C-alpha atoms as a PDB file:
ATOM      1  CA  MET A   1      -8.528  -9.531  15.362  1.00  0.00           C
ATOM      2  CA  GLY A   2      -5.505  -9.138  18.281  1.00  0.00           C
ATOM      3  CA  CYS A   3      -2.239  -8.779  17.733  1.00  0.00           C
ATOM      4  CA  ASN A   4       0.684  -9.419  20.286  1.00  0.00           C
ATOM      5  CA  ARG A   5       4.432  -8.204  20.564  1.00  0.00           C
ATOM      6  CA  THR A   6       4.969 -12.274  20.322  1.00  0.00           C
ATOM      7  CA  SER A   7       3.494 -13.630  17.331  1.00  0.00           C
ATOM      8  CA  ILE A   8       0.746 -16.303  17.601  1.00  0.00           C
ATOM      9  CA  SER A   9       2.128 -18.820  14.940  1.00  0.00           C
ATOM     10  CA  VAL A  10      -1.638 -21.072  13.512  1.00  0.00           C
ATOM     11  CA  ARG A  11       0.793 -23.996  13.072  1.00  0.00           C
ATOM     12  CA  ASN A  12       0.578 -24.425  17.210  1.00  0.00           C
ATOM     13  CA  VAL A  13      -2.846 -24.405  17.875  1.00  0.00           C
ATOM     14  CA  LEU A  14      -3.865 -27.742  17.502  1.00  0.00           C
ATOM     15  CA  ALA A  15      -1.568 -30.867  15.644  1.00  0.00           C
ATOM     16  CA  CYS A  16      -3.868 -33.809  15.064  1.00  0.00           C
ATOM     17  CA  ASN A  17      -2.005 -37.720  14.689  1.00  0.00           C
ATOM     18  CA  ASN A  18      -5.010 -39.955  13.251  1.00  0.00           C
ATOM     19  CA  GLY A  19      -7.450 -37.345  13.962  1.00  0.00           C
ATOM     20  CA  VAL A  20      -6.455 -37.367  18.347  1.00  0.00           C
ATOM     21  CA  ALA A  21      -5.414 -33.826  19.401  1.00  0.00           C
ATOM     22  CA  MET A  22      -2.036 -33.941  20.437  1.00  0.00           C
ATOM     23  CA  ASN A  23      -1.354 -30.218  21.221  1.00  0.00           C
ATOM     24  CA  GLN A  24      -2.754 -27.335  22.053  1.00  0.00           C
ATOM     25  CA  SER A  25      -1.729 -23.754  21.635  1.00  0.00           C
ATOM     26  CA  ASN A  26      -0.086 -21.794  24.731  1.00  0.00           C
ATOM     27  CA  TYR A  27      -2.898 -18.944  23.486  1.00  0.00           C
ATOM     28  CA  GLN A  28      -5.849 -21.558  22.960  1.00  0.00           C
ATOM     29  CA  ARG A  29      -8.079 -19.147  25.443  1.00  0.00           C
ATOM     30  CA  GLU A  30      -7.461 -16.138  23.412  1.00  0.00           C
ATOM     31  CA  ILE A  31      -7.866 -17.729  20.546  1.00  0.00           C
ATOM     32  CA  GLU A  32     -11.008 -18.826  21.532  1.00  0.00           C
ATOM     33  CA  ALA A  33     -12.017 -16.154  22.485  1.00  0.00           C
ATOM     34  CA  ALA A  34     -11.694 -13.905  19.102  1.00  0.00           C
ATOM     35  CA  VAL A  35     -13.031 -16.874  17.184  1.00  0.00           C
ATOM     36  CA  ARG A  36     -16.320 -16.043  19.613  1.00  0.00           C
ATOM     37  CA  LEU A  37     -15.913 -12.409  19.382  1.00  0.00           C
ATOM     38  CA  ALA A  38     -15.672 -12.461  15.448  1.00  0.00           C
ATOM     39  CA  ARG A  39     -18.171 -14.470  14.619  1.00  0.00           C
ATOM     40  CA  ALA A  40     -20.580 -12.522  17.206  1.00  0.00           C
ATOM     41  CA  ALA A  41     -19.487  -9.312  15.809  1.00  0.00           C
ATOM     42  CA  GLY A  42     -19.878 -10.010  12.440  1.00  0.00           C
ATOM     43  CA  ALA A  43     -23.323 -10.918  13.184  1.00  0.00           C
ATOM     44  CA  ILE A  44     -24.029  -7.596  14.180  1.00  0.00           C
ATOM     45  CA  LEU A  45     -22.354  -5.957  10.912  1.00  0.00           C
ATOM     46  CA  LEU A  46     -24.661  -8.379   8.956  1.00  0.00           C
ATOM     47  CA  LYS A  47     -27.884  -7.267  11.110  1.00  0.00           C
ATOM     48  CA  HIS A  48     -27.333  -3.827  10.110  1.00  0.00           C
ATOM     49  CA  TYR A  49     -25.705  -4.492   6.413  1.00  0.00           C
ATOM     50  CA  ASN A  50     -29.502  -5.630   5.550  1.00  0.00           C
ATOM     51  CA  SER A  51     -31.185  -3.173   7.295  1.00  0.00           C
ATOM     52  CA  PRO A  52     -31.397   0.602   7.170  1.00  0.00           C
ATOM     53  CA  PHE A  53     -28.647   2.264   8.881  1.00  0.00           C
ATOM     54  CA  LEU A  54     -27.683   6.100   9.791  1.00  0.00           C
ATOM     55  CA  VAL A  55     -23.900   6.872   8.248  1.00  0.00           C
ATOM     56  CA  GLU A  56     -22.270   9.447  10.452  1.00  0.00           C
ATOM     57  CA  HIS A  57     -18.617  11.390  10.016  1.00  0.00           C
ATOM     58  CA  LYS A  58     -16.242  11.091  12.604  1.00  0.00           C
ATOM     59  CA  VAL A  59     -12.836  12.773  12.856  1.00  0.00           C
ATOM     60  CA  ASN A  60     -10.445  10.639  14.041  1.00  0.00           C
ATOM     61  CA  ALA A  61      -7.163  10.283  15.404  1.00  0.00           C
ATOM     62  CA  LEU A  62      -5.498  12.105  13.370  1.00  0.00           C
ATOM     63  CA  GLN A  63      -7.794  14.476  12.637  1.00  0.00           C
ATOM     64  CA  GLU A  64      -8.952  13.406   9.420  1.00  0.00           C
ATOM     65  CA  MET A  65     -12.527  13.152   9.119  1.00  0.00           C
ATOM     66  CA  GLU A  66     -14.142   9.391   8.339  1.00  0.00           C
ATOM     67  CA  GLU A  67     -17.444   7.562   7.568  1.00  0.00           C
ATOM     68  CA  VAL A  68     -18.942   5.470  10.555  1.00  0.00           C
ATOM     69  CA  THR A  69     -21.885   3.507  11.565  1.00  0.00           C
ATOM     70  CA  ALA A  70     -23.995   2.126  14.536  1.00  0.00           C
ATOM     71  CA  ALA A  71     -22.122  -1.064  12.931  1.00  0.00           C
ATOM     72  CA  ASP A  72     -18.687  -0.009  13.477  1.00  0.00           C
ATOM     73  CA  ARG A  73     -19.756   1.184  16.904  1.00  0.00           C
ATOM     74  CA  GLU A  74     -21.683  -1.805  18.092  1.00  0.00           C
ATOM     75  CA  ALA A  75     -19.538  -4.492  16.889  1.00  0.00           C
ATOM     76  CA  ASN A  76     -16.185  -2.389  18.161  1.00  0.00           C
ATOM     77  CA  ASP A  77     -17.724  -2.168  21.874  1.00  0.00           C
ATOM     78  CA  LEU A  78     -19.133  -5.873  22.284  1.00  0.00           C
ATOM     79  CA  ILE A  79     -15.330  -6.917  21.198  1.00  0.00           C
ATOM     80  CA  VAL A  80     -13.735  -4.324  23.275  1.00  0.00           C
ATOM     81  CA  THR A  81     -15.820  -5.001  26.582  1.00  0.00           C
ATOM     82  CA  GLU A  82     -15.725  -8.652  26.136  1.00  0.00           C
ATOM     83  CA  LEU A  83     -11.802  -8.645  26.096  1.00  0.00           C
ATOM     84  CA  ALA A  84     -11.301  -6.541  28.841  1.00  0.00           C
ATOM     85  CA  GLY A  85     -13.390  -8.374  30.916  1.00  0.00           C
ATOM     86  CA  GLU A  86     -11.127 -11.458  30.202  1.00  0.00           C
ATOM     87  CA  PHE A  87      -8.448 -10.099  29.518  1.00  0.00           C
ATOM     88  CA  PRO A  88      -8.064  -7.476  32.071  1.00  0.00           C
ATOM     89  CA  ASP A  89      -4.178  -6.973  32.244  1.00  0.00           C
ATOM     90  CA  ASP A  90      -3.667  -6.775  28.017  1.00  0.00           C
ATOM     91  CA  GLY A  91      -3.857  -3.130  26.379  1.00  0.00           C
ATOM     92  CA  ILE A  92      -6.283  -2.544  23.679  1.00  0.00           C
ATOM     93  CA  LEU A  93      -6.202  -0.179  20.460  1.00  0.00           C
ATOM     94  CA  ALA A  94      -9.885  -0.338  19.171  1.00  0.00           C
ATOM     95  CA  GLU A  95     -10.602   2.333  15.788  1.00  0.00           C
ATOM     96  CA  GLU A  96     -14.159   3.251  16.858  1.00  0.00           C
ATOM     97  CA  SER A  97     -12.965   3.251  21.456  1.00  0.00           C
ATOM     98  CA  THR A  98     -10.773   6.584  22.098  1.00  0.00           C
ATOM     99  CA  ASP A  99      -7.109   5.843  22.357  1.00  0.00           C
ATOM    100  CA  THR A 100      -4.749   6.299  25.550  1.00  0.00           C
ATOM    101  CA  GLU A 101      -1.236   6.048  26.714  1.00  0.00           C
ATOM    102  CA  ASP A 102      -2.012   2.988  28.648  1.00  0.00           C
ATOM    103  CA  ARG A 103      -1.576   0.535  26.526  1.00  0.00           C
ATOM    104  CA  LEU A 104       1.742   1.488  25.773  1.00  0.00           C
ATOM    105  CA  THR A 105       2.699   0.790  29.323  1.00  0.00           C
ATOM    106  CA  LYS A 106       1.228  -3.232  28.739  1.00  0.00           C
ATOM    107  CA  ASP A 107       3.219  -6.201  27.273  1.00  0.00           C
ATOM    108  CA  ARG A 108       0.743  -7.339  25.231  1.00  0.00           C
ATOM    109  CA  VAL A 109      -2.351  -4.983  23.277  1.00  0.00           C
ATOM    110  CA  TRP A 110      -5.538  -6.247  21.250  1.00  0.00           C
ATOM    111  CA  LEU A 111      -5.811  -4.670  18.015  1.00  0.00           C
ATOM    112  CA  ILE A 112      -9.329  -4.101  16.821  1.00  0.00           C
ATOM    113  CA  ASP A 113     -10.380  -3.161  14.057  1.00  0.00           C
ATOM    114  CA  PRO A 114     -14.657  -3.786  14.363  1.00  0.00           C
ATOM    115  CA  MET A 115     -15.149  -3.756  10.223  1.00  0.00           C
ATOM    116  CA  ASP A 116     -12.643  -3.412   7.502  1.00  0.00           C
ATOM    117  CA  GLY A 117     -14.051  -1.581   4.623  1.00  0.00           C
ATOM    118  CA  THR A 118     -16.683   0.803   6.187  1.00  0.00           C
ATOM    119  CA  LYS A 119     -16.411   2.928   2.730  1.00  0.00           C
ATOM    120  CA  ASN A 120     -17.699  -0.506   0.812  1.00  0.00           C
ATOM    121  CA  PHE A 121     -20.058  -1.549   3.821  1.00  0.00           C
ATOM    122  CA  VAL A 122     -22.149   1.729   3.038  1.00  0.00           C
ATOM    123  CA  GLN A 123     -22.601   1.375  -0.634  1.00  0.00           C
ATOM    124  CA  ARG A 124     -23.440  -1.908  -0.291  1.00  0.00           C
ATOM    125  CA  ASP A 125     -21.207  -3.155  -3.052  1.00  0.00           C
ATOM    126  CA  GLY A 126     -21.551  -6.590  -2.120  1.00  0.00           C
ATOM    127  CA  ASP A 127     -17.627  -7.061  -2.815  1.00  0.00           C
ATOM    128  CA  ALA A 128     -15.463  -4.524  -1.160  1.00  0.00           C
ATOM    129  CA  SER A 129     -14.161  -3.591  -4.176  1.00  0.00           C
ATOM    130  CA  SER A 130     -12.305  -0.244  -4.579  1.00  0.00           C
ATOM    131  CA  ARG A 131     -13.973   2.582  -6.795  1.00  0.00           C
ATOM    132  CA  SER A 132     -11.164   5.154  -5.214  1.00  0.00           C
ATOM    133  CA  HIS A 133      -9.146   6.640  -8.177  1.00  0.00           C
ATOM    134  CA  ARG A 134      -5.182   6.247  -8.458  1.00  0.00           C
ATOM    135  CA  SER A 135      -2.858   9.121  -7.624  1.00  0.00           C
ATOM    136  CA  PRO A 136      -0.451  10.154 -10.152  1.00  0.00           C
ATOM    137  CA  ARG A 137       2.074   8.540  -7.871  1.00  0.00           C
ATOM    138  CA  MET A 138       0.871   5.442  -7.816  1.00  0.00           C
ATOM    139  CA  GLU A 139       0.051   5.613 -11.662  1.00  0.00           C
ATOM    140  CA  ARG A 140       3.948   6.066 -12.212  1.00  0.00           C
ATOM    141  CA  VAL A 141       4.749   3.064 -10.058  1.00  0.00           C
ATOM    142  CA  VAL A 142       2.520   0.667 -11.712  1.00  0.00           C
ATOM    143  CA  ASP A 143       3.692   2.024 -15.105  1.00  0.00           C
ATOM    144  CA  SER A 144       7.138   1.422 -13.839  1.00  0.00           C
ATOM    145  CA  PHE A 145       6.545  -1.852 -12.397  1.00  0.00           C
ATOM    146  CA  GLY A 146       4.185  -2.997 -15.687  1.00  0.00           C
ATOM    147  CA  PHE A 147       1.867  -5.069 -13.905  1.00  0.00           C
ATOM    148  CA  ARG A 148       0.306  -7.483 -16.205  1.00  0.00           C
ATOM    149  CA  HIS A 149      -2.914  -7.887 -13.948  1.00  0.00           C
ATOM    150  CA  GLU A 150      -4.610  -5.696 -11.355  1.00  0.00           C
ATOM    151  CA  THR A 151      -7.683  -6.583  -8.905  1.00  0.00           C
ATOM    152  CA  ARG A 152      -8.925  -3.734  -6.616  1.00  0.00           C
ATOM    153  CA  ARG A 153     -10.530  -4.271  -3.474  1.00  0.00           C
ATOM    154  CA  GLY A 154     -11.294  -1.824  -0.372  1.00  0.00           C
ATOM    155  CA  SER A 155     -10.121  -3.945   2.120  1.00  0.00           C
ATOM    156  CA  VAL A 156      -6.549  -3.714   3.101  1.00  0.00           C
ATOM    157  CA  GLY A 157      -7.307  -7.175   4.980  1.00  0.00           C
ATOM    158  CA  VAL A 158      -8.940  -8.860   1.411  1.00  0.00           C
ATOM    159  CA  LYS A 159      -5.973  -7.674  -0.503  1.00  0.00           C
ATOM    160  CA  ILE A 160      -3.502  -9.177   1.730  1.00  0.00           C
ATOM    161  CA  GLY A 161      -5.544 -12.208   1.840  1.00  0.00           C
ATOM    162  CA  LEU A 162      -5.657 -12.620  -1.616  1.00  0.00           C
ATOM    163  CA  ILE A 163      -1.679 -12.707  -1.659  1.00  0.00           C
ATOM    164  CA  ALA A 164      -1.764 -15.538   0.958  1.00  0.00           C
ATOM    165  CA  GLU A 165      -4.445 -17.037  -0.949  1.00  0.00           C
ATOM    166  CA  ARG A 166      -1.621 -16.770  -4.009  1.00  0.00           C
ATOM    167  CA  GLU A 167      -4.101 -14.949  -5.951  1.00  0.00           C
ATOM    168  CA  ALA A 168      -2.349 -11.766  -6.053  1.00  0.00           C
ATOM    169  CA  ASP A 169       1.376 -11.498  -5.680  1.00  0.00           C
ATOM    170  CA  LEU A 170       2.015  -7.792  -4.528  1.00  0.00           C
ATOM    171  CA  TYR A 171       0.171  -5.163  -2.483  1.00  0.00           C
ATOM    172  CA  LEU A 172       1.273  -1.554  -2.572  1.00  0.00           C
ATOM    173  CA  HIS A 173       0.095   1.491  -0.741  1.00  0.00           C
ATOM    174  CA  LEU A 174       2.268   4.731  -0.876  1.00  0.00           C
ATOM    175  CA  SER A 175       0.761   6.887   1.511  1.00  0.00           C
ATOM    176  CA  PRO A 176       0.413   6.803   5.360  1.00  0.00           C
ATOM    177  CA  SER A 177      -3.302   6.359   5.737  1.00  0.00           C
ATOM    178  CA  THR A 178      -3.527   2.317   6.811  1.00  0.00           C
ATOM    179  CA  LYS A 179      -3.725   1.931  10.644  1.00  0.00           C
ATOM    180  CA  GLN A 180      -2.130  -0.396  13.109  1.00  0.00           C
ATOM    181  CA  TRP A 181      -5.078  -2.197  13.108  1.00  0.00           C
ATOM    182  CA  ASP A 182      -5.909  -2.813   9.082  1.00  0.00           C
ATOM    183  CA  THR A 183      -2.466  -5.112   8.906  1.00  0.00           C
ATOM    184  CA  CYS A 184      -1.860  -6.340  12.098  1.00  0.00           C
ATOM    185  CA  ALA A 185      -4.062  -9.727  11.529  1.00  0.00           C
ATOM    186  CA  PRO A 186      -3.057  -9.384   8.054  1.00  0.00           C
ATOM    187  CA  GLU A 187       0.381  -9.324   8.779  1.00  0.00           C
ATOM    188  CA  ILE A 188       0.322 -12.588  10.216  1.00  0.00           C
ATOM    189  CA  ILE A 189      -1.913 -14.020   8.187  1.00  0.00           C
ATOM    190  CA  LEU A 190       0.428 -13.298   5.468  1.00  0.00           C
ATOM    191  CA  THR A 191       3.616 -14.690   6.620  1.00  0.00           C
ATOM    192  CA  GLU A 192       2.172 -18.171   8.083  1.00  0.00           C
ATOM    193  CA  ALA A 193       1.245 -18.200   4.419  1.00  0.00           C
ATOM    194  CA  GLY A 194       4.761 -17.642   3.272  1.00  0.00           C
ATOM    195  CA  GLY A 195       4.991 -14.294   2.275  1.00  0.00           C
ATOM    196  CA  ARG A 196       5.934 -10.550   3.598  1.00  0.00           C
ATOM    197  CA  LEU A 197       4.982  -7.407   4.664  1.00  0.00           C
ATOM    198  CA  THR A 198       6.892  -3.995   5.430  1.00  0.00           C
ATOM    199  CA  ASP A 199       7.415  -0.449   5.003  1.00  0.00           C
ATOM    200  CA  LEU A 200       8.007   0.977   1.589  1.00  0.00           C
ATOM    201  CA  PHE A 201      11.527   0.849   2.678  1.00  0.00           C
ATOM    202  CA  GLY A 202      12.100  -2.528   3.471  1.00  0.00           C
ATOM    203  CA  GLN A 203      11.365  -1.885   7.463  1.00  0.00           C
ATOM    204  CA  ARG A 204       9.392  -3.975   9.903  1.00  0.00           C
ATOM    205  CA  LEU A 205       5.712  -2.081  10.506  1.00  0.00           C
ATOM    206  CA  GLN A 206       5.947  -1.406  14.584  1.00  0.00           C
ATOM    207  CA  TYR A 207       2.957  -2.094  16.421  1.00  0.00           C
ATOM    208  CA  ASN A 208       1.473  -0.960  19.849  1.00  0.00           C
ATOM    209  CA  HIS A 209       3.433   2.460  18.651  1.00  0.00           C
ATOM    210  CA  PRO A 210       2.207   6.048  19.954  1.00  0.00           C
ATOM    211  CA  ARG A 211       1.281   7.424  16.654  1.00  0.00           C
ATOM    212  CA  ILE A 212      -1.890   4.271  15.110  1.00  0.00           C
ATOM    213  CA  ASP A 213      -1.226   5.188  11.055  1.00  0.00           C
ATOM    214  CA  ASN A 214       1.713   2.864   9.293  1.00  0.00           C
ATOM    215  CA  ARG A 215       3.432   6.319   8.080  1.00  0.00           C
ATOM    216  CA  ASN A 216       5.981   4.948   5.493  1.00  0.00           C
ATOM    217  CA  GLY A 217       2.740   2.750   3.854  1.00  0.00           C
ATOM    218  CA  VAL A 218       3.188  -0.350   3.079  1.00  0.00           C
ATOM    219  CA  VAL A 219       4.316  -3.493   1.090  1.00  0.00           C
ATOM    220  CA  ALA A 220       2.840  -6.816   1.107  1.00  0.00           C
ATOM    221  CA  THR A 221       4.337  -9.877  -1.350  1.00  0.00           C
ATOM    222  CA  ASN A 222       4.221 -13.725  -1.467  1.00  0.00           C
ATOM    223  CA  GLY A 223       7.971 -13.589   0.084  1.00  0.00           C
ATOM    224  CA  VAL A 224      10.045 -14.143  -3.329  1.00  0.00           C
ATOM    225  CA  ALA A 225       9.999 -11.289  -4.740  1.00  0.00           C
ATOM    226  CA  HIS A 226       9.978  -8.909  -1.695  1.00  0.00           C
ATOM    227  CA  ASP A 227      13.406  -7.699  -1.616  1.00  0.00           C
ATOM    228  CA  LEU A 228      13.199  -6.741  -5.549  1.00  0.00           C
ATOM    229  CA  VAL A 229      10.289  -5.104  -5.070  1.00  0.00           C
ATOM    230  CA  ILE A 230      11.467  -2.890  -2.339  1.00  0.00           C
ATOM    231  CA  GLU A 231      14.849  -2.084  -4.590  1.00  0.00           C
ATOM    232  CA  ASN A 232      13.136  -1.373  -7.550  1.00  0.00           C
ATOM    233  CA  LEU A 233      10.963   1.303  -5.228  1.00  0.00           C
ATOM    234  CA  LYS A 234      13.583   2.400  -4.146  1.00  0.00           C
ATOM    235  CA  PRO A 235      14.477   5.226  -7.449  1.00  0.00           C
ATOM    236  CA  LEU A 236      10.714   6.091  -7.437  1.00  0.00           C
ATOM    237  CA  LEU A 237      11.015   6.793  -3.831  1.00  0.00           C
ATOM    238  CA  ARG A 238      13.825   9.301  -4.247  1.00  0.00           C
ATOM    239  CA  GLU A 239      11.782  10.587  -6.787  1.00  0.00           C
ATOM    240  CA  PHE A 240       9.023  11.548  -5.118  1.00  0.00           C
ATOM    241  CA  GLY A 241      10.972  13.212  -1.778  1.00  0.00           C
ATOM    242  CA  ARG A 242      10.377  10.164  -0.130  1.00  0.00           C
ATOM    243  CA  ARG A 243      12.239   8.641   3.038  1.00  0.00           C
ATOM    244  CA  PRO A 244      11.938   6.913   6.010  1.00  0.00           C
ATOM    245  CA  VAL A 245      10.092   8.837   9.234  1.00  0.00           C
END
């Protein structure tokens, strides 16, 4: 849910020897707050999921039309309000809050996605499974790589989580439609599991950047194959006329 300029290693959270706590992370307060708010926000989402709700449409910061529900907004408001009160010196970039340049002056910023997979929440499909059709360019990538098996999911976090759980090896997103809050937390989880996440050109993603979108796409892998994937993407990106921005 949150992401700092200095990544938090889960290995530093708690070390145990014969059941005795040895070392607590310097970020223990932040971790406890994140866990508490994630559970509270999750309860809000489940309450709405099991009740009738109104689906609205919003124009986001990139002038794109997106679906939004009261569940998104209530979960977002809870998290943002609590974090602002508990960590007043931190910046916040949250999907359902108005973005300001104030966060760019902060040493630490929380990135908040109150619900990853609103479309699937609206459809109540139960698995966050993506029903969208692939673009011709993605079809070209799939054919070129010759994947043996494909798993479709709607949530970026779930897709990257499947790699961390060794149920998938690669996730590719060609378009600039993912946002900083989509990839921040999944990236550190994947990295701690031994994987890697970059843009299509092998460059690190930038967080707390003025633009909220990952303009150069996303590549997440198990780590072992990452350099090979980036290398094999190069001729395809040239064919598509894609250059890093």
